Amino acid sequence: MFKQFLENAEGNQGYLLSSLAIFLIFFILVGVFVLTMKKEEIKYMSELPLKDEDDERGS
């Protein structure tokens, strides 16, 4: 299946490879960003949908 797709895409291999490279670079960068985040920041972000601004002020 992929062999037929690549044979029919003559002259477009540059587009295929560049889109694959962009895809891989994006997800590698997101993975590095997530792995280097501080635990406090992850905890703060995980509680955002559950907390109101009023809860933080003590009102």
N, C-alpha and C. Protein backbone atom coordinates (compact mmCIF):
# COMPACT_ATOMS: atom_id res chain seq x y z
N MET A 1 0.83 -1.19 0.00
CA MET A 1 0.00 0.00 0.00
C MET A 1 0.87 1.26 0.00
N PHE A 2 1.85 1.32 0.91
CA PHE A 2 2.71 2.50 0.97
C PHE A 2 3.60 2.59 -0.26
N LYS A 3 3.98 1.43 -0.81
CA LYS A 3 4.82 1.44 -2.00
C LYS A 3 4.08 2.07 -3.17
N GLN A 4 2.80 1.72 -3.34
CA GLN A 4 2.00 2.33 -4.40
C GLN A 4 1.82 3.82 -4.17
N PHE A 5 1.61 4.21 -2.94
CA PHE A 5 1.43 5.62 -2.62
C PHE A 5 2.68 6.42 -2.97
N LEU A 6 3.85 5.87 -2.62
CA LEU A 6 5.10 6.57 -2.90
C LEU A 6 5.40 6.59 -4.40
N GLU A 7 5.03 5.53 -5.12
CA GLU A 7 5.25 5.51 -6.57
C GLU A 7 4.35 6.53 -7.27
N ASN A 8 3.15 6.72 -6.78
CA ASN A 8 2.22 7.68 -7.39
C ASN A 8 2.53 9.11 -7.00
N ALA A 9 3.35 9.30 -6.00
CA ALA A 9 3.68 10.64 -5.51
C ALA A 9 5.03 11.09 -6.05
N GLU A 10 5.29 10.82 -7.31
CA GLU A 10 6.59 11.18 -7.89
C GLU A 10 6.78 12.69 -7.85
N GLY A 11 7.94 13.10 -7.43
CA GLY A 11 8.24 14.52 -7.37
C GLY A 11 7.73 15.19 -6.11
N ASN A 12 6.97 14.47 -5.30
CA ASN A 12 6.40 15.04 -4.06
C ASN A 12 7.05 14.47 -2.82
N GLN A 13 8.14 13.75 -2.96
CA GLN A 13 8.78 13.16 -1.79
C GLN A 13 9.29 14.24 -0.84
N GLY A 14 9.66 15.39 -1.37
CA GLY A 14 10.12 16.48 -0.52
C GLY A 14 9.03 16.93 0.43
N TYR A 15 7.80 17.03 -0.08
CA TYR A 15 6.67 17.41 0.75
C TYR A 15 6.38 16.35 1.81
N LEU A 16 6.47 15.09 1.41
CA LEU A 16 6.21 14.01 2.36
C LEU A 16 7.24 14.00 3.47
N LEU A 17 8.51 14.12 3.11
CA LEU A 17 9.57 14.09 4.11
C LEU A 17 9.55 15.32 5.00
N SER A 18 9.26 16.49 4.42
CA SER A 18 9.23 17.70 5.24
C SER A 18 8.06 17.66 6.22
N SER A 19 6.91 17.15 5.80
CA SER A 19 5.78 17.07 6.72
C SER A 19 6.06 16.07 7.84
N LEU A 20 6.72 14.97 7.52
CA LEU A 20 7.11 14.00 8.54
C LEU A 20 8.11 14.62 9.52
N ALA A 21 9.06 15.38 9.00
CA ALA A 21 10.06 16.02 9.86
C ALA A 21 9.41 17.04 10.78
N ILE A 22 8.49 17.84 10.26
CA ILE A 22 7.79 18.83 11.08
C ILE A 22 7.00 18.13 12.18
N PHE A 23 6.31 17.07 11.83
CA PHE A 23 5.53 16.29 12.79
C PHE A 23 6.42 15.74 13.90
N LEU A 24 7.53 15.13 13.54
CA LEU A 24 8.42 14.54 14.54
C LEU A 24 9.07 15.61 15.42
N ILE A 25 9.52 16.70 14.82
CA ILE A 25 10.16 17.77 15.60
C ILE A 25 9.18 18.36 16.59
N PHE A 26 7.94 18.60 16.16
CA PHE A 26 6.92 19.16 17.05
C PHE A 26 6.70 18.27 18.26
N PHE A 27 6.50 16.98 18.06
CA PHE A 27 6.20 16.09 19.18
C PHE A 27 7.43 15.83 20.05
N ILE A 28 8.61 15.86 19.47
CA ILE A 28 9.81 15.73 20.29
C ILE A 28 9.95 16.96 21.19
N LEU A 29 9.72 18.17 20.64
CA LEU A 29 9.81 19.38 21.45
C LEU A 29 8.75 19.41 22.55
N VAL A 30 7.54 18.98 22.24
CA VAL A 30 6.49 18.92 23.26
C VAL A 30 6.87 17.92 24.35
N GLY A 31 7.41 16.79 23.97
CA GLY A 31 7.84 15.79 24.95
C GLY A 31 8.94 16.32 25.85
N VAL A 32 9.92 17.01 25.28
CA VAL A 32 11.00 17.59 26.08
C VAL A 32 10.43 18.64 27.03
N PHE A 33 9.51 19.47 26.53
CA PHE A 33 8.91 20.51 27.36
C PHE A 33 8.17 19.89 28.55
N VAL A 34 7.41 18.84 28.31
CA VAL A 34 6.65 18.20 29.38
C VAL A 34 7.58 17.53 30.39
N LEU A 35 8.61 16.89 29.90
CA LEU A 35 9.52 16.19 30.80
C LEU A 35 10.36 17.13 31.65
N THR A 36 10.54 18.38 31.21
CA THR A 36 11.36 19.32 31.97
C THR A 36 10.52 20.27 32.82
N MET A 37 9.21 20.11 32.83
CA MET A 37 8.36 20.99 33.65
C MET A 37 8.55 20.67 35.14
N LYS A 38 8.41 21.69 35.96
CA LYS A 38 8.50 21.50 37.40
C LYS A 38 7.21 20.88 37.92
N LYS A 39 7.32 20.08 38.96
CA LYS A 39 6.15 19.40 39.52
C LYS A 39 5.11 20.39 40.04
N GLU A 40 5.57 21.52 40.58
CA GLU A 40 4.63 22.53 41.10
C GLU A 40 3.79 23.11 39.98
N GLU A 41 4.42 23.33 38.82
CA GLU A 41 3.69 23.88 37.68
C GLU A 41 2.67 22.88 37.14
N ILE A 42 3.04 21.62 37.11
CA ILE A 42 2.12 20.58 36.65
C ILE A 42 0.93 20.48 37.61
N LYS A 43 1.20 20.54 38.91
CA LYS A 43 0.13 20.48 39.91
C LYS A 43 -0.80 21.68 39.77
N TYR A 44 -0.22 22.88 39.58
CA TYR A 44 -1.03 24.09 39.41
C TYR A 44 -1.92 23.97 38.18
N MET A 45 -1.37 23.50 37.06
CA MET A 45 -2.14 23.37 35.83
C MET A 45 -3.22 22.30 35.95
N SER A 46 -2.94 21.23 36.68
CA SER A 46 -3.93 20.17 36.81
C SER A 46 -5.12 20.60 37.65
N GLU A 47 -4.91 21.57 38.54
CA GLU A 47 -6.00 22.04 39.40
C GLU A 47 -6.75 23.23 38.81
N LEU A 48 -6.32 23.77 37.69
CA LEU A 48 -6.96 24.95 37.11
C LEU A 48 -8.45 24.76 36.82
N PRO A 49 -8.87 23.67 36.21
CA PRO A 49 -10.30 23.55 35.91
C PRO A 49 -11.16 23.42 37.17
N LEU A 50 -10.56 23.05 38.29
CA LEU A 50 -11.33 22.78 39.50
C LEU A 50 -11.38 23.98 40.44
N LYS A 51 -10.43 24.89 40.32
CA LYS A 51 -10.35 26.01 41.24
C LYS A 51 -10.90 27.28 40.60
N ASP A 52 -11.57 28.08 41.43
CA ASP A 52 -11.98 29.42 41.01
C ASP A 52 -10.95 30.41 41.52
N GLU A 53 -10.95 31.59 40.95
CA GLU A 53 -10.04 32.63 41.43
C GLU A 53 -10.41 33.04 42.85
N ASP A 54 -11.69 32.95 43.20
CA ASP A 54 -12.14 33.31 44.54
C ASP A 54 -11.57 32.37 45.59
N ASP A 55 -11.38 31.08 45.24
CA ASP A 55 -10.82 30.11 46.17
C ASP A 55 -9.40 30.47 46.56
N GLU A 56 -8.64 30.99 45.62
CA GLU A 56 -7.24 31.32 45.88
C GLU A 56 -7.11 32.54 46.79
N ARG A 57 -8.06 33.46 46.69
CA ARG A 57 -8.00 34.69 47.50
C ARG A 57 -8.54 34.49 48.91
N GLY A 58 -9.30 33.41 49.09
CA GLY A 58 -9.85 33.15 50.40
C GLY A 58 -11.18 33.85 50.64
N SER A 59 -11.85 34.31 49.60
CA SER A 59 -13.14 35.00 49.76
C SER A 59 -14.29 34.03 49.78
